[in-house]
């Protein structure tokens, strides 16, 4: 489950960067370093923001965990509430996440119960 937790947090961070890109204007087909270069100032300019990340046009989900969508809210410097929709070996799962400083909680994909990450 440790790998799954790391993937969930990485997906949420990726969504935050995607929000910054959206705040910078339309899709420009830029290389990753330029996208991040545009996203960072937009994210740094605000104290709170909502983000949404969706995956589309995928012919076949890869093996393991595949993130299909992320939705959440961030309050700087260290608070986040979000939900992740994913497929784990083809089985749909929804994981909720709450981060408050060093305290990180999630709903276990197997039981649905809240617990520490």
Protein backbone atom coordinates (compact mmCIF):
# COMPACT_ATOMS: atom_id res chain seq x y z
CA UNK A 1 0.00 0.00 0.00
CA UNK A 2 2.99 2.37 0.44
CA UNK A 3 3.47 2.57 -3.33
CA UNK A 4 -0.22 3.35 -3.80
CA UNK A 5 0.01 6.16 -1.25
CA UNK A 6 2.99 7.65 -3.04
CA UNK A 7 1.15 7.48 -6.37
CA UNK A 8 -1.91 9.20 -4.88
CA UNK A 9 0.19 12.04 -3.47
CA UNK A 10 2.10 12.36 -6.75
CA UNK A 11 -1.19 12.58 -8.65
CA UNK A 12 -2.40 15.34 -6.37
CA UNK A 13 0.84 17.28 -6.84
CA UNK A 14 0.63 16.82 -10.61
CA UNK A 15 -2.89 18.18 -10.51
CA UNK A 16 -1.63 21.25 -8.67
CA UNK A 17 0.88 21.90 -11.46
CA UNK A 18 -1.85 21.37 -14.06
CA UNK A 19 -3.94 24.02 -12.31
CA UNK A 20 -1.11 26.45 -12.63
CA UNK A 21 -0.94 25.78 -16.35
CA UNK A 22 -4.66 26.33 -16.71
CA UNK A 23 -4.30 29.63 -14.87
CA UNK A 24 -1.66 30.70 -17.38
CA UNK A 25 -3.85 30.41 -20.45
CA UNK A 26 -4.73 27.80 -23.03
CA UNK A 27 -2.83 24.66 -23.98
CA UNK A 28 0.20 25.61 -26.03
CA UNK A 29 1.79 22.15 -26.54
CA UNK A 30 4.81 23.34 -24.61
CA UNK A 31 7.62 21.12 -23.36
CA UNK A 32 7.31 20.07 -19.70
CA UNK A 33 9.96 22.51 -18.42
CA UNK A 34 8.13 25.45 -20.01
CA UNK A 35 4.78 24.28 -18.64
CA UNK A 36 6.22 24.13 -15.13
CA UNK A 37 7.91 27.49 -15.70
CA UNK A 38 4.51 29.03 -16.45
CA UNK A 39 2.65 27.12 -13.73
CA UNK A 40 4.87 27.91 -10.74
CA UNK A 41 4.31 31.71 -10.78
CA UNK A 42 0.54 31.22 -11.10
CA UNK A 43 0.44 28.83 -8.15
CA UNK A 44 2.72 31.08 -6.09
CA UNK A 45 0.46 34.10 -6.72
CA UNK A 46 -2.50 32.70 -4.73
CA UNK A 47 -3.05 31.31 -1.22
CA UNK A 48 -5.86 28.88 -2.06
CA UNK A 49 -7.00 27.18 -5.21
CA UNK A 50 -9.22 24.40 -6.55
CA UNK A 51 -7.84 21.89 -9.02
CA UNK A 52 -9.24 19.24 -11.34
CA UNK A 53 -7.32 16.76 -13.44
CA UNK A 54 -8.99 14.35 -15.83
CA UNK A 55 -7.61 11.65 -18.09
CA UNK A 56 -9.19 11.14 -21.49
CA UNK A 57 -8.65 9.34 -24.79
CA UNK A 58 -6.93 6.34 -23.22
CA UNK A 59 -7.37 3.23 -25.34
CA UNK A 60 -6.47 0.77 -22.58
CA UNK A 61 -5.55 1.45 -18.95
CA UNK A 62 -2.03 0.33 -18.07
CA UNK A 63 -1.40 -2.40 -15.50
CA UNK A 64 -1.22 -1.45 -11.82
CA UNK A 65 -2.78 1.80 -10.68
CA UNK A 66 -4.05 4.25 -13.29
CA UNK A 67 -5.30 7.69 -12.20
CA UNK A 68 -8.46 8.67 -14.09
CA UNK A 69 -9.28 11.88 -12.23
CA UNK A 70 -8.28 14.10 -9.33
CA UNK A 71 -10.28 16.91 -7.73
CA UNK A 72 -9.38 18.98 -4.71
CA UNK A 73 -8.63 22.18 -2.86
CA UNK A 74 -5.30 23.51 -1.60
CA UNK A 75 -4.66 26.07 1.13
CA UNK A 76 -1.06 27.16 1.44
CA UNK A 77 1.23 26.36 2.99
CA UNK A 78 0.26 22.81 3.94
CA UNK A 79 -3.42 21.91 3.64
CA UNK A 80 -5.11 19.83 0.96
CA UNK A 81 -8.45 18.07 0.56
CA UNK A 82 -9.04 15.96 -2.50
CA UNK A 83 -10.41 12.85 -4.11
CA UNK A 84 -8.72 10.55 -6.58
CA UNK A 85 -10.54 8.27 -9.00
CA UNK A 86 -8.38 5.47 -10.28
CA UNK A 87 -8.35 1.92 -11.57
CA UNK A 88 -6.23 -0.58 -9.69
CA UNK A 89 -5.61 -3.62 -11.88
CA UNK A 90 -8.79 -2.67 -13.75
CA UNK A 91 -10.94 -2.28 -10.61
CA UNK A 92 -12.31 1.25 -10.07
CA UNK A 93 -11.37 2.85 -6.74
CA UNK A 94 -12.03 6.24 -5.17
CA UNK A 95 -9.64 7.54 -2.55
CA UNK A 96 -10.22 10.65 -0.45
CA UNK A 97 -7.23 12.50 0.96
CA UNK A 98 -6.83 15.14 3.69
CA UNK A 99 -3.49 16.76 4.47
CA UNK A 100 -3.10 19.18 7.38
CA UNK A 101 0.56 19.93 7.83
CA UNK A 102 2.39 16.78 8.81
CA UNK A 103 -0.90 14.91 9.37
CA UNK A 104 -2.00 13.01 6.25
CA UNK A 105 -5.12 10.85 6.04
CA UNK A 106 -6.82 8.85 3.31
CA UNK A 107 -9.63 6.44 2.78
CA UNK A 108 -8.18 2.98 2.36
CA UNK A 109 -9.12 1.72 -1.13
CA UNK A 110 -9.98 -1.74 0.17
CA UNK A 111 -12.08 -0.85 3.24
CA UNK A 112 -13.11 2.76 2.55
CA UNK A 113 -12.17 3.64 6.14
CA UNK A 114 -10.17 6.75 7.04
CA UNK A 115 -6.66 6.20 8.35
CA UNK A 116 -3.21 7.76 8.37
CA UNK A 117 -1.21 7.65 5.17
